[in-house]
Protein backbone atom coordinates (compact mmCIF):
# COMPACT_ATOMS: atom_id res chain seq x y z
CA UNK A 1 13.02 4.96 -16.19
CA UNK A 2 15.57 4.81 -13.27
CA UNK A 3 14.70 2.97 -10.32
CA UNK A 4 14.89 5.78 -7.97
CA UNK A 5 12.53 8.03 -10.25
CA UNK A 6 10.14 4.91 -9.92
CA UNK A 7 10.11 4.77 -6.47
CA UNK A 8 9.14 9.07 -6.71
CA UNK A 9 6.19 8.27 -8.41
CA UNK A 10 2.94 9.48 -6.61
CA UNK A 11 -0.38 7.04 -6.01
CA UNK A 12 -3.55 8.47 -8.00
CA UNK A 13 -4.88 9.31 -4.15
CA UNK A 14 -2.95 9.00 -0.99
CA UNK A 15 -3.56 6.44 1.48
CA UNK A 16 -4.68 7.30 4.81
CA UNK A 17 -3.04 5.61 7.61
CA UNK A 18 -4.16 5.27 11.44
CA UNK A 19 -3.04 8.36 12.71
CA UNK A 20 -3.74 10.61 9.67
CA UNK A 21 -0.32 9.71 8.23
CA UNK A 22 -0.59 9.52 4.50
CA UNK A 23 1.44 7.35 1.81
CA UNK A 24 1.62 9.47 -0.73
CA UNK A 25 4.20 7.77 -3.19
CA UNK A 26 5.65 4.39 -3.66
CA UNK A 27 8.88 5.71 -1.44
CA UNK A 28 6.50 6.02 1.48
CA UNK A 29 5.15 2.52 0.90
CA UNK A 30 8.37 1.22 0.94
CA UNK A 31 9.34 3.00 4.16
CA UNK A 32 6.15 1.87 5.81
CA UNK A 33 6.60 -1.55 4.81
CA UNK A 34 10.27 -1.95 6.19
CA UNK A 35 9.35 0.12 9.51
CA UNK A 36 7.00 -3.10 10.05
CA UNK A 37 8.24 -6.25 12.14
CA UNK A 38 10.24 -8.34 10.09
CA UNK A 39 7.51 -11.19 9.94
CA UNK A 40 4.77 -8.84 8.82
CA UNK A 41 7.24 -7.46 6.20
CA UNK A 42 8.00 -10.93 4.69
CA UNK A 43 4.28 -11.50 4.14
CA UNK A 44 2.73 -12.33 0.64
CA UNK A 45 0.62 -9.18 0.57
CA UNK A 46 3.54 -6.80 1.04
CA UNK A 47 5.76 -8.57 -1.30
CA UNK A 48 3.36 -7.49 -4.14
CA UNK A 49 4.12 -4.08 -4.15
CA UNK A 50 7.91 -4.50 -4.73
CA UNK A 51 6.99 -4.56 -8.64
CA UNK A 52 7.38 -0.84 -9.82
CA UNK A 53 6.90 -1.68 -13.59
CA UNK A 54 3.25 -1.61 -13.58
CA UNK A 55 1.28 1.17 -12.88
CA UNK A 56 0.91 2.98 -9.15
CA UNK A 57 -2.75 2.41 -9.18
CA UNK A 58 -2.13 -1.46 -9.11
CA UNK A 59 0.71 -0.67 -6.39
CA UNK A 60 -2.01 1.19 -4.35
CA UNK A 61 -4.59 -1.42 -4.77
CA UNK A 62 -2.05 -3.95 -3.17
CA UNK A 63 -1.09 -1.53 -0.36
CA UNK A 64 -4.70 -0.92 0.33
CA UNK A 65 -5.22 -4.93 0.29
CA UNK A 66 -2.15 -5.69 2.61
CA UNK A 67 -3.41 -3.04 5.08
CA UNK A 68 -6.96 -4.36 5.17
CA UNK A 69 -6.23 -7.84 4.97
CA UNK A 70 -7.59 -8.67 8.28
CA UNK A 71 -10.53 -6.48 8.15
CA UNK A 72 -13.66 -8.55 7.26
CA UNK A 73 -16.30 -6.77 4.94
CA UNK A 74 -19.67 -6.53 6.48
CA UNK A 75 -22.52 -5.08 4.35
CA UNK A 76 -25.05 -3.11 6.19
CA UNK A 77 -28.12 -3.65 4.62
CA UNK A 78 -29.15 -0.35 5.83
CA UNK A 79 -26.87 1.07 3.70
CA UNK A 80 -27.85 -0.19 0.96
């Protein structure tokens, strides 16, 4: 697969960003990451997105983990 075609591959499910913007393709994710300040772009969490050879689901998981890296998961016992 050509590198440009790889960037056009869509995620199985779009990633919703704050402000209702969606990342639909790997190119959208790349554009979002490169719009961040350089110090944040260079975080290990974002660097893992660069691998385009695997399934887009893996790239989606990496993006979601990077977006939520500062969020602490809290289990609400009332929801269980």
